[in-house]
Amino acid sequence: MKIGDRVSISPQVTDRTDWIDGVVIEIEKNPFAGIVITAKSDDGEVFFEKEDLFRFLGEEACTH
């Protein structure tokens, strides 16, 4: 994952009912939490959490 990637953000992060889309705006290597992703949603909200709560946009539709 890198800055500028389109991602889906987990409901565990956003407190919404479903995954929402956004763009990675920062990546931090936190010595305690590991990789922390900060993403800005399409509606302008900013969320940050461990990288496993983000996935590349469209990843859930992969069938290969």
C-alpha atoms as a PDB file:
ATOM      1  CA  MET A   1       0.000   0.000   0.000  1.00  0.00           C
ATOM      2  CA  LYS A   2       1.269   3.491  -0.803  1.00  0.00           C
ATOM      3  CA  ILE A   3       0.106   7.094  -0.612  1.00  0.00           C
ATOM      4  CA  GLY A   4      -2.495   7.795  -3.284  1.00  0.00           C
ATOM      5  CA  ASP A   5      -3.870   4.227  -3.427  1.00  0.00           C
ATOM      6  CA  ARG A   6      -7.662   3.884  -3.476  1.00  0.00           C
ATOM      7  CA  VAL A   7      -8.828   1.757  -0.556  1.00  0.00           C
ATOM      8  CA  SER A   8     -11.916   0.529   1.219  1.00  0.00           C
ATOM      9  CA  ILE A   9     -12.063   1.393   4.921  1.00  0.00           C
ATOM     10  CA  SER A  10     -13.499  -1.102   7.403  1.00  0.00           C
ATOM     11  CA  PRO A  11     -16.686  -0.360   9.354  1.00  0.00           C
ATOM     12  CA  GLN A  12     -14.622  -1.089  12.502  1.00  0.00           C
ATOM     13  CA  VAL A  13     -12.743   2.140  11.744  1.00  0.00           C
ATOM     14  CA  THR A  14     -15.586   4.311  10.460  1.00  0.00           C
ATOM     15  CA  ASP A  15     -18.423   3.071  12.726  1.00  0.00           C
ATOM     16  CA  ARG A  16     -20.641   2.859   9.636  1.00  0.00           C
ATOM     17  CA  THR A  17     -22.648  -0.147   8.451  1.00  0.00           C
ATOM     18  CA  ASP A  18     -20.472  -0.998   5.434  1.00  0.00           C
ATOM     19  CA  TRP A  19     -16.994  -0.461   3.977  1.00  0.00           C
ATOM     20  CA  ILE A  20     -16.463   3.020   2.487  1.00  0.00           C
ATOM     21  CA  ASP A  21     -14.006   4.211  -0.164  1.00  0.00           C
ATOM     22  CA  GLY A  22     -11.115   6.597   0.288  1.00  0.00           C
ATOM     23  CA  VAL A  23      -7.516   7.466  -0.588  1.00  0.00           C
ATOM     24  CA  VAL A  24      -4.393   6.730   1.455  1.00  0.00           C
ATOM     25  CA  ILE A  25      -2.895  10.061   2.583  1.00  0.00           C
ATOM     26  CA  GLU A  26      -0.256   8.854   5.070  1.00  0.00           C
ATOM     27  CA  ILE A  27       1.560   5.675   6.084  1.00  0.00           C
ATOM     28  CA  GLU A  28       3.291   5.464   9.467  1.00  0.00           C
ATOM     29  CA  LYS A  29       5.598   2.752  10.724  1.00  0.00           C
ATOM     30  CA  ASN A  30       4.596   2.768  14.374  1.00  0.00           C
ATOM     31  CA  PRO A  31       6.972   0.808  16.633  1.00  0.00           C
ATOM     32  CA  PHE A  32       4.073  -0.322  18.848  1.00  0.00           C
ATOM     33  CA  ALA A  33       1.160  -0.812  16.423  1.00  0.00           C
ATOM     34  CA  GLY A  34       3.000  -1.706  13.215  1.00  0.00           C
ATOM     35  CA  ILE A  35       1.926  -0.076   9.964  1.00  0.00           C
ATOM     36  CA  VAL A  36      -0.764   2.576  10.495  1.00  0.00           C
ATOM     37  CA  ILE A  37      -2.695   3.841   7.477  1.00  0.00           C
ATOM     38  CA  THR A  38      -4.398   7.245   7.328  1.00  0.00           C
ATOM     39  CA  ALA A  39      -7.038   7.560   4.624  1.00  0.00           C
ATOM     40  CA  LYS A  40      -9.419  10.295   3.582  1.00  0.00           C
ATOM     41  CA  SER A  41     -12.888   9.075   2.639  1.00  0.00           C
ATOM     42  CA  ASP A  42     -14.648  10.277  -0.488  1.00  0.00           C
ATOM     43  CA  ASP A  43     -16.877  12.462   1.706  1.00  0.00           C
ATOM     44  CA  GLY A  44     -13.845  14.159   3.320  1.00  0.00           C
ATOM     45  CA  GLU A  45     -13.532  12.399   6.691  1.00  0.00           C
ATOM     46  CA  VAL A  46     -10.081  11.198   7.774  1.00  0.00           C
ATOM     47  CA  PHE A  47      -9.574   7.800   9.418  1.00  0.00           C
ATOM     48  CA  PHE A  48      -6.466   6.016  10.689  1.00  0.00           C
ATOM     49  CA  GLU A  49      -5.867   2.514  11.987  1.00  0.00           C
ATOM     50  CA  LYS A  50      -3.698  -0.579  11.518  1.00  0.00           C
ATOM     51  CA  GLU A  51      -3.292  -1.588   7.887  1.00  0.00           C
ATOM     52  CA  ASP A  52      -5.333  -4.791   8.185  1.00  0.00           C
ATOM     53  CA  LEU A  53      -8.526  -2.679   8.453  1.00  0.00           C
ATOM     54  CA  PHE A  54      -7.976  -1.250   4.958  1.00  0.00           C
ATOM     55  CA  ARG A  55      -8.069  -3.111   1.661  1.00  0.00           C
ATOM     56  CA  PHE A  56      -7.372  -2.156  -1.913  1.00  0.00           C
ATOM     57  CA  LEU A  57     -10.514  -0.891  -3.631  1.00  0.00           C
ATOM     58  CA  GLY A  58     -12.232  -3.743  -5.423  1.00  0.00           C
ATOM     59  CA  GLU A  59     -10.245  -6.431  -3.601  1.00  0.00           C
ATOM     60  CA  GLU A  60     -13.416  -8.052  -2.278  1.00  0.00           C
ATOM     61  CA  ALA A  61     -14.534  -8.732  -5.864  1.00  0.00           C
ATOM     62  CA  CYS A  62     -11.425 -10.698  -6.854  1.00  0.00           C
ATOM     63  CA  THR A  63     -12.229 -14.250  -7.907  1.00  0.00           C
ATOM     64  CA  HIS A  64      -8.734 -15.471  -8.812  1.00  0.00           C
END
